[in-house]
C-alpha atoms as a PDB file:
ATOM      1  CA  UNK A   1     -40.708   5.725-107.734  1.00  0.00           C
ATOM      2  CA  UNK A   2     -39.115   9.033-108.669  1.00  0.00           C
ATOM      3  CA  UNK A   3     -35.325   8.850-108.628  1.00  0.00           C
ATOM      4  CA  UNK A   4     -33.797  11.985-107.081  1.00  0.00           C
ATOM      5  CA  UNK A   5     -30.917  13.565-109.002  1.00  0.00           C
ATOM      6  CA  UNK A   6     -28.831  13.722-105.824  1.00  0.00           C
ATOM      7  CA  UNK A   7     -28.740  11.385-102.843  1.00  0.00           C
ATOM      8  CA  UNK A   8     -27.886  12.335 -99.271  1.00  0.00           C
ATOM      9  CA  UNK A   9     -27.232   9.339 -97.028  1.00  0.00           C
ATOM     10  CA  UNK A  10     -26.711  10.036 -93.314  1.00  0.00           C
ATOM     11  CA  UNK A  11     -24.268   7.608 -91.749  1.00  0.00           C
ATOM     12  CA  UNK A  12     -25.401   6.018 -88.514  1.00  0.00           C
ATOM     13  CA  UNK A  13     -21.738   5.541 -87.605  1.00  0.00           C
ATOM     14  CA  UNK A  14     -22.055   9.049 -86.153  1.00  0.00           C
ATOM     15  CA  UNK A  15     -25.376   8.359 -84.433  1.00  0.00           C
ATOM     16  CA  UNK A  16     -26.004   7.466 -80.811  1.00  0.00           C
ATOM     17  CA  UNK A  17     -25.806   3.668 -80.834  1.00  0.00           C
ATOM     18  CA  UNK A  18     -27.944   3.491 -77.694  1.00  0.00           C
ATOM     19  CA  UNK A  19     -30.792   5.177 -79.578  1.00  0.00           C
ATOM     20  CA  UNK A  20     -30.359   3.905 -83.125  1.00  0.00           C
ATOM     21  CA  UNK A  21     -34.025   3.570 -84.026  1.00  0.00           C
ATOM     22  CA  UNK A  22     -34.736   7.111 -82.815  1.00  0.00           C
ATOM     23  CA  UNK A  23     -31.694   8.454 -84.635  1.00  0.00           C
ATOM     24  CA  UNK A  24     -32.854   6.812 -87.851  1.00  0.00           C
ATOM     25  CA  UNK A  25     -36.325   8.279 -87.521  1.00  0.00           C
ATOM     26  CA  UNK A  26     -34.797  11.719 -86.948  1.00  0.00           C
ATOM     27  CA  UNK A  27     -33.788  11.883 -90.627  1.00  0.00           C
ATOM     28  CA  UNK A  28     -36.895  10.326 -92.153  1.00  0.00           C
ATOM     29  CA  UNK A  29     -38.537  12.650 -94.640  1.00  0.00           C
ATOM     30  CA  UNK A  30     -35.210  14.348 -95.373  1.00  0.00           C
ATOM     31  CA  UNK A  31     -32.681  11.602 -96.119  1.00  0.00           C
ATOM     32  CA  UNK A  32     -32.765   9.540 -99.312  1.00  0.00           C
ATOM     33  CA  UNK A  33     -30.781   6.574 -98.025  1.00  0.00           C
ATOM     34  CA  UNK A  34     -29.471   5.495 -94.639  1.00  0.00           C
ATOM     35  CA  UNK A  35     -25.766   4.652 -94.759  1.00  0.00           C
ATOM     36  CA  UNK A  36     -24.797   1.670 -92.609  1.00  0.00           C
ATOM     37  CA  UNK A  37     -21.078   1.075 -92.022  1.00  0.00           C
ATOM     38  CA  UNK A  38     -20.205  -2.537 -91.258  1.00  0.00           C
ATOM     39  CA  UNK A  39     -16.609  -2.999 -90.050  1.00  0.00           C
ATOM     40  CA  UNK A  40     -15.054  -6.263 -88.900  1.00  0.00           C
ATOM     41  CA  UNK A  41     -11.744  -5.264 -87.232  1.00  0.00           C
ATOM     42  CA  UNK A  42      -9.917  -7.199 -89.962  1.00  0.00           C
ATOM     43  CA  UNK A  43     -10.270  -5.284 -93.206  1.00  0.00           C
ATOM     44  CA  UNK A  44     -10.243  -2.056 -91.189  1.00  0.00           C
ATOM     45  CA  UNK A  45      -9.048  -1.592 -87.579  1.00  0.00           C
ATOM     46  CA  UNK A  46     -12.491  -0.871 -86.203  1.00  0.00           C
ATOM     47  CA  UNK A  47     -15.518  -2.919 -85.164  1.00  0.00           C
ATOM     48  CA  UNK A  48     -19.053  -1.605 -85.591  1.00  0.00           C
ATOM     49  CA  UNK A  49     -22.310  -3.419 -86.255  1.00  0.00           C
ATOM     50  CA  UNK A  50     -23.328  -6.516 -88.153  1.00  0.00           C
ATOM     51  CA  UNK A  51     -26.244  -8.317 -89.692  1.00  0.00           C
ATOM     52  CA  UNK A  52     -28.442  -8.681 -86.563  1.00  0.00           C
ATOM     53  CA  UNK A  53     -28.493  -4.919 -86.017  1.00  0.00           C
ATOM     54  CA  UNK A  54     -29.298  -4.272 -89.665  1.00  0.00           C
ATOM     55  CA  UNK A  55     -32.127  -6.806 -89.518  1.00  0.00           C
ATOM     56  CA  UNK A  56     -33.551  -5.116 -86.415  1.00  0.00           C
ATOM     57  CA  UNK A  57     -33.271  -1.624 -87.888  1.00  0.00           C
ATOM     58  CA  UNK A  58     -34.918  -2.744 -91.109  1.00  0.00           C
ATOM     59  CA  UNK A  59     -38.150  -3.174 -89.175  1.00  0.00           C
ATOM     60  CA  UNK A  60     -37.866   0.341 -87.692  1.00  0.00           C
ATOM     61  CA  UNK A  61     -37.842   2.487 -90.841  1.00  0.00           C
ATOM     62  CA  UNK A  62     -38.820   2.641 -94.497  1.00  0.00           C
ATOM     63  CA  UNK A  63     -35.576   4.398 -95.497  1.00  0.00           C
ATOM     64  CA  UNK A  64     -33.530   2.463 -98.064  1.00  0.00           C
ATOM     65  CA  UNK A  65     -30.390   0.995 -96.492  1.00  0.00           C
ATOM     66  CA  UNK A  66     -27.069   1.769 -98.149  1.00  0.00           C
ATOM     67  CA  UNK A  67     -24.844  -0.867 -96.541  1.00  0.00           C
ATOM     68  CA  UNK A  68     -21.088  -0.299 -96.780  1.00  0.00           C
ATOM     69  CA  UNK A  69     -19.136  -3.462 -96.002  1.00  0.00           C
ATOM     70  CA  UNK A  70     -15.611  -2.761 -94.783  1.00  0.00           C
ATOM     71  CA  UNK A  71     -14.939  -6.441 -94.203  1.00  0.00           C
ATOM     72  CA  UNK A  72     -12.832  -9.309 -95.423  1.00  0.00           C
ATOM     73  CA  UNK A  73     -14.519 -12.146 -97.316  1.00  0.00           C
ATOM     74  CA  UNK A  74     -17.493 -10.138 -98.636  1.00  0.00           C
ATOM     75  CA  UNK A  75     -18.486 -13.131-100.793  1.00  0.00           C
ATOM     76  CA  UNK A  76     -19.493 -14.880 -97.577  1.00  0.00           C
ATOM     77  CA  UNK A  77     -21.377 -12.045 -95.904  1.00  0.00           C
ATOM     78  CA  UNK A  78     -22.672  -9.590 -98.503  1.00  0.00           C
ATOM     79  CA  UNK A  79     -25.665 -11.612 -99.793  1.00  0.00           C
ATOM     80  CA  UNK A  80     -27.030 -11.821 -96.246  1.00  0.00           C
ATOM     81  CA  UNK A  81     -27.431  -8.056 -96.158  1.00  0.00           C
ATOM     82  CA  UNK A  82     -29.309  -8.178 -99.443  1.00  0.00           C
ATOM     83  CA  UNK A  83     -31.553 -10.883 -97.987  1.00  0.00           C
ATOM     84  CA  UNK A  84     -32.123  -8.662 -94.948  1.00  0.00           C
ATOM     85  CA  UNK A  85     -33.632  -6.002 -97.175  1.00  0.00           C
ATOM     86  CA  UNK A  86     -30.728  -3.665 -97.910  1.00  0.00           C
ATOM     87  CA  UNK A  87     -31.374  -1.488-100.956  1.00  0.00           C
ATOM     88  CA  UNK A  88     -27.709  -1.192-101.892  1.00  0.00           C
ATOM     89  CA  UNK A  89     -24.809  -3.366-100.697  1.00  0.00           C
ATOM     90  CA  UNK A  90     -21.315  -2.045-101.329  1.00  0.00           C
ATOM     91  CA  UNK A  91     -18.126  -4.033-100.794  1.00  0.00           C
ATOM     92  CA  UNK A  92     -14.495  -3.065-101.209  1.00  0.00           C
ATOM     93  CA  UNK A  93     -12.519  -3.835-104.339  1.00  0.00           C
ATOM     94  CA  UNK A  94      -9.476  -4.464-102.161  1.00  0.00           C
ATOM     95  CA  UNK A  95     -11.257  -7.287-100.314  1.00  0.00           C
ATOM     96  CA  UNK A  96     -12.678  -9.164-103.296  1.00  0.00           C
ATOM     97  CA  UNK A  97     -10.972 -11.248-105.971  1.00  0.00           C
ATOM     98  CA  UNK A  98     -14.025 -11.400-108.262  1.00  0.00           C
ATOM     99  CA  UNK A  99     -16.100  -8.224-107.879  1.00  0.00           C
ATOM    100  CA  UNK A 100     -18.291  -8.872-110.912  1.00  0.00           C
ATOM    101  CA  UNK A 101     -19.372 -12.290-109.660  1.00  0.00           C
ATOM    102  CA  UNK A 102     -20.330 -10.871-106.260  1.00  0.00           C
ATOM    103  CA  UNK A 103     -22.224  -8.024-107.934  1.00  0.00           C
ATOM    104  CA  UNK A 104     -24.272 -10.612-109.824  1.00  0.00           C
ATOM    105  CA  UNK A 105     -25.008 -12.454-106.580  1.00  0.00           C
ATOM    106  CA  UNK A 106     -26.180  -9.259-104.899  1.00  0.00           C
ATOM    107  CA  UNK A 107     -28.453  -8.342-107.773  1.00  0.00           C
ATOM    108  CA  UNK A 108     -29.862 -11.881-107.805  1.00  0.00           C
ATOM    109  CA  UNK A 109     -30.633 -11.455-104.100  1.00  0.00           C
ATOM    110  CA  UNK A 110     -32.608  -8.306-104.860  1.00  0.00           C
ATOM    111  CA  UNK A 111     -30.135  -5.543-103.933  1.00  0.00           C
ATOM    112  CA  UNK A 112     -28.205  -2.975-105.899  1.00  0.00           C
ATOM    113  CA  UNK A 113     -24.490  -3.716-106.095  1.00  0.00           C
ATOM    114  CA  UNK A 114     -21.817  -1.222-105.093  1.00  0.00           C
ATOM    115  CA  UNK A 115     -18.049  -1.212-105.465  1.00  0.00           C
ATOM    116  CA  UNK A 116     -15.949   0.786-102.985  1.00  0.00           C
ATOM    117  CA  UNK A 117     -12.475   2.171-103.655  1.00  0.00           C
ATOM    118  CA  UNK A 118     -10.336   3.087-100.636  1.00  0.00           C
ATOM    119  CA  UNK A 119      -8.062   6.102-100.289  1.00  0.00           C
ATOM    120  CA  UNK A 120      -4.855   4.523-101.592  1.00  0.00           C
ATOM    121  CA  UNK A 121      -6.389   2.415-104.382  1.00  0.00           C
ATOM    122  CA  UNK A 122      -6.168   3.710-107.967  1.00  0.00           C
ATOM    123  CA  UNK A 123      -9.486   3.764-109.739  1.00  0.00           C
ATOM    124  CA  UNK A 124      -8.323   3.034-113.278  1.00  0.00           C
ATOM    125  CA  UNK A 125      -8.173  -0.791-112.968  1.00  0.00           C
ATOM    126  CA  UNK A 126     -11.848  -0.848-111.995  1.00  0.00           C
ATOM    127  CA  UNK A 127     -13.398   1.497-114.534  1.00  0.00           C
ATOM    128  CA  UNK A 128     -14.130  -1.287-117.008  1.00  0.00           C
ATOM    129  CA  UNK A 129     -16.062  -3.194-114.318  1.00  0.00           C
ATOM    130  CA  UNK A 130     -18.532  -0.397-113.701  1.00  0.00           C
ATOM    131  CA  UNK A 131     -21.280  -1.655-116.062  1.00  0.00           C
ATOM    132  CA  UNK A 132     -21.731  -4.522-113.584  1.00  0.00           C
ATOM    133  CA  UNK A 133     -22.458  -2.128-110.702  1.00  0.00           C
ATOM    134  CA  UNK A 134     -25.127   0.323-109.615  1.00  0.00           C
ATOM    135  CA  UNK A 135     -22.955   2.372-107.259  1.00  0.00           C
ATOM    136  CA  UNK A 136     -19.310   3.347-107.135  1.00  0.00           C
ATOM    137  CA  UNK A 137     -18.286   4.490-103.650  1.00  0.00           C
ATOM    138  CA  UNK A 138     -15.112   6.558-103.596  1.00  0.00           C
ATOM    139  CA  UNK A 139     -13.614   7.093-100.172  1.00  0.00           C
ATOM    140  CA  UNK A 140     -12.523  10.667 -99.506  1.00  0.00           C
ATOM    141  CA  UNK A 141     -10.718   9.511 -96.347  1.00  0.00           C
ATOM    142  CA  UNK A 142      -9.028   6.258 -95.311  1.00  0.00           C
ATOM    143  CA  UNK A 143     -11.750   3.711 -94.605  1.00  0.00           C
ATOM    144  CA  UNK A 144     -12.214   2.683 -90.998  1.00  0.00           C
ATOM    145  CA  UNK A 145     -13.207   5.591 -88.788  1.00  0.00           C
ATOM    146  CA  UNK A 146     -15.681   8.463 -88.894  1.00  0.00           C
ATOM    147  CA  UNK A 147     -14.793  12.073 -88.201  1.00  0.00           C
ATOM    148  CA  UNK A 148     -11.701  12.215 -90.420  1.00  0.00           C
ATOM    149  CA  UNK A 149     -10.645  15.239 -92.441  1.00  0.00           C
ATOM    150  CA  UNK A 150     -11.834  15.352 -96.057  1.00  0.00           C
ATOM    151  CA  UNK A 151      -9.016  14.815 -98.593  1.00  0.00           C
ATOM    152  CA  UNK A 152      -9.801  16.980-101.640  1.00  0.00           C
ATOM    153  CA  UNK A 153      -7.101  15.365-103.790  1.00  0.00           C
ATOM    154  CA  UNK A 154      -9.214  12.194-103.874  1.00  0.00           C
ATOM    155  CA  UNK A 155     -11.799  14.038-105.936  1.00  0.00           C
ATOM    156  CA  UNK A 156      -9.575  13.366-108.951  1.00  0.00           C
ATOM    157  CA  UNK A 157     -10.948   9.821-108.786  1.00  0.00           C
ATOM    158  CA  UNK A 158     -14.490  11.175-108.755  1.00  0.00           C
ATOM    159  CA  UNK A 159     -13.804  13.265-111.848  1.00  0.00           C
ATOM    160  CA  UNK A 160     -12.226  10.300-113.653  1.00  0.00           C
ATOM    161  CA  UNK A 161     -15.197   8.107-112.793  1.00  0.00           C
ATOM    162  CA  UNK A 162     -17.675  10.767-113.905  1.00  0.00           C
ATOM    163  CA  UNK A 163     -15.962  11.099-117.287  1.00  0.00           C
ATOM    164  CA  UNK A 164     -16.035   7.327-117.741  1.00  0.00           C
ATOM    165  CA  UNK A 165     -19.669   7.003-116.682  1.00  0.00           C
ATOM    166  CA  UNK A 166     -20.823   9.833-118.928  1.00  0.00           C
ATOM    167  CA  UNK A 167     -18.804   8.580-121.916  1.00  0.00           C
ATOM    168  CA  UNK A 168     -20.332   5.120-121.564  1.00  0.00           C
ATOM    169  CA  UNK A 169     -23.821   6.391-120.688  1.00  0.00           C
ATOM    170  CA  UNK A 170     -23.790   4.148-117.632  1.00  0.00           C
ATOM    171  CA  UNK A 171     -26.551   4.131-115.026  1.00  0.00           C
ATOM    172  CA  UNK A 172     -24.323   4.418-111.982  1.00  0.00           C
ATOM    173  CA  UNK A 173     -24.326   6.435-108.790  1.00  0.00           C
ATOM    174  CA  UNK A 174     -20.978   7.961-107.860  1.00  0.00           C
ATOM    175  CA  UNK A 175     -20.965   8.160-104.087  1.00  0.00           C
ATOM    176  CA  UNK A 176     -18.434   9.876-101.820  1.00  0.00           C
ATOM    177  CA  UNK A 177     -17.808   8.996 -98.194  1.00  0.00           C
ATOM    178  CA  UNK A 178     -15.559  10.735 -95.701  1.00  0.00           C
ATOM    179  CA  UNK A 179     -15.515  14.242 -94.295  1.00  0.00           C
ATOM    180  CA  UNK A 180     -18.584  15.318 -96.253  1.00  0.00           C
ATOM    181  CA  UNK A 181     -20.027  18.452 -94.643  1.00  0.00           C
ATOM    182  CA  UNK A 182     -21.272  21.917 -95.545  1.00  0.00           C
ATOM    183  CA  UNK A 183     -17.747  23.074 -96.395  1.00  0.00           C
ATOM    184  CA  UNK A 184     -16.855  20.089 -98.618  1.00  0.00           C
ATOM    185  CA  UNK A 185     -20.002  18.767-100.291  1.00  0.00           C
ATOM    186  CA  UNK A 186     -19.943  21.416-103.010  1.00  0.00           C
ATOM    187  CA  UNK A 187     -16.454  20.355-104.093  1.00  0.00           C
ATOM    188  CA  UNK A 188     -17.576  16.737-104.311  1.00  0.00           C
ATOM    189  CA  UNK A 189     -20.694  17.636-106.304  1.00  0.00           C
ATOM    190  CA  UNK A 190     -18.718  19.815-108.696  1.00  0.00           C
ATOM    191  CA  UNK A 191     -16.327  16.910-109.298  1.00  0.00           C
ATOM    192  CA  UNK A 192     -19.231  14.707-110.372  1.00  0.00           C
ATOM    193  CA  UNK A 193     -20.485  12.890-107.295  1.00  0.00           C
ATOM    194  CA  UNK A 194     -24.258  12.469-107.022  1.00  0.00           C
ATOM    195  CA  UNK A 195     -24.544  10.586-103.714  1.00  0.00           C
ATOM    196  CA  UNK A 196     -23.102  11.880-100.469  1.00  0.00           C
ATOM    197  CA  UNK A 197     -22.514  10.102 -97.171  1.00  0.00           C
ATOM    198  CA  UNK A 198     -22.534  12.459 -94.187  1.00  0.00           C
ATOM    199  CA  UNK A 199     -22.081  11.353 -90.602  1.00  0.00           C
ATOM    200  CA  UNK A 200     -20.985  13.979 -88.116  1.00  0.00           C
ATOM    201  CA  UNK A 201     -22.388  16.770 -90.301  1.00  0.00           C
ATOM    202  CA  UNK A 202     -25.850  15.273 -89.803  1.00  0.00           C
ATOM    203  CA  UNK A 203     -25.837  13.603 -86.419  1.00  0.00           C
ATOM    204  CA  UNK A 204     -23.681  16.272 -84.833  1.00  0.00           C
ATOM    205  CA  UNK A 205     -26.287  18.898 -85.724  1.00  0.00           C
ATOM    206  CA  UNK A 206     -29.096  20.053 -83.447  1.00  0.00           C
ATOM    207  CA  UNK A 207     -31.602  19.197 -86.183  1.00  0.00           C
ATOM    208  CA  UNK A 208     -30.360  16.232 -88.252  1.00  0.00           C
ATOM    209  CA  UNK A 209     -33.168  16.480 -90.805  1.00  0.00           C
ATOM    210  CA  UNK A 210     -32.494  20.149 -91.435  1.00  0.00           C
ATOM    211  CA  UNK A 211     -28.788  19.361 -91.791  1.00  0.00           C
ATOM    212  CA  UNK A 212     -29.643  16.844 -94.521  1.00  0.00           C
ATOM    213  CA  UNK A 213     -31.768  19.400 -96.356  1.00  0.00           C
ATOM    214  CA  UNK A 214     -29.021  21.992 -96.153  1.00  0.00           C
ATOM    215  CA  UNK A 215     -26.423  19.589 -97.511  1.00  0.00           C
ATOM    216  CA  UNK A 216     -28.682  18.663-100.410  1.00  0.00           C
ATOM    217  CA  UNK A 217     -29.224  22.317-101.267  1.00  0.00           C
ATOM    218  CA  UNK A 218     -25.486  22.972-101.325  1.00  0.00           C
ATOM    219  CA  UNK A 219     -24.863  19.935-103.515  1.00  0.00           C
ATOM    220  CA  UNK A 220     -27.640  20.845-105.933  1.00  0.00           C
ATOM    221  CA  UNK A 221     -26.288  24.344-106.314  1.00  0.00           C
ATOM    222  CA  UNK A 222     -22.774  23.101-107.032  1.00  0.00           C
ATOM    223  CA  UNK A 223     -23.984  20.416-109.453  1.00  0.00           C
ATOM    224  CA  UNK A 224     -25.962  22.978-111.423  1.00  0.00           C
ATOM    225  CA  UNK A 225     -22.964  25.308-111.621  1.00  0.00           C
ATOM    226  CA  UNK A 226     -24.785  28.177-109.877  1.00  0.00           C
END
């Protein structure tokens, strides 16, 4: 399978929950991953979807699932999403006392392992853990709700992670999540991100697939320095 240099992952948090299967199919052929936000009303003050919905959606599309767990006790729940067929399962550093052990469990279950860093969490304590992960998700908002304003100052974390990844020649995706749209994705790409979660910018558009293609084009241009 050819690995694309940049990943665009529409977030179904911004989709019509009454028509989830249709909304997912609306981005097939354009999206690289499908971003699935799981919130438990404990780790973040919001409640979204859980494992049964992910299992049902898995049968509705071939798109790889990029599951973002904004939950307490990810050790208990994360492997179930890997077993359900998620391509990548990301959990929050703030919710886990042994991230490396959980990453090993996820990989053993057949998924990629991702580590998420929330808005107010410094990235430096986690840089040395990155060889154990496939994805580093850096929030560019406060985790918990879609539709928030992009915080450009958080791109300093992206730049720091990119320097560390490049210096260590690590095979790691640096993903950004929060406020990613046509007017912000170039900044994130220029800072070193290579995977982009976009919710409202995709599902708020008349043509979600075309919105994905446009976002990818903007990111590619910024990443190439054109």
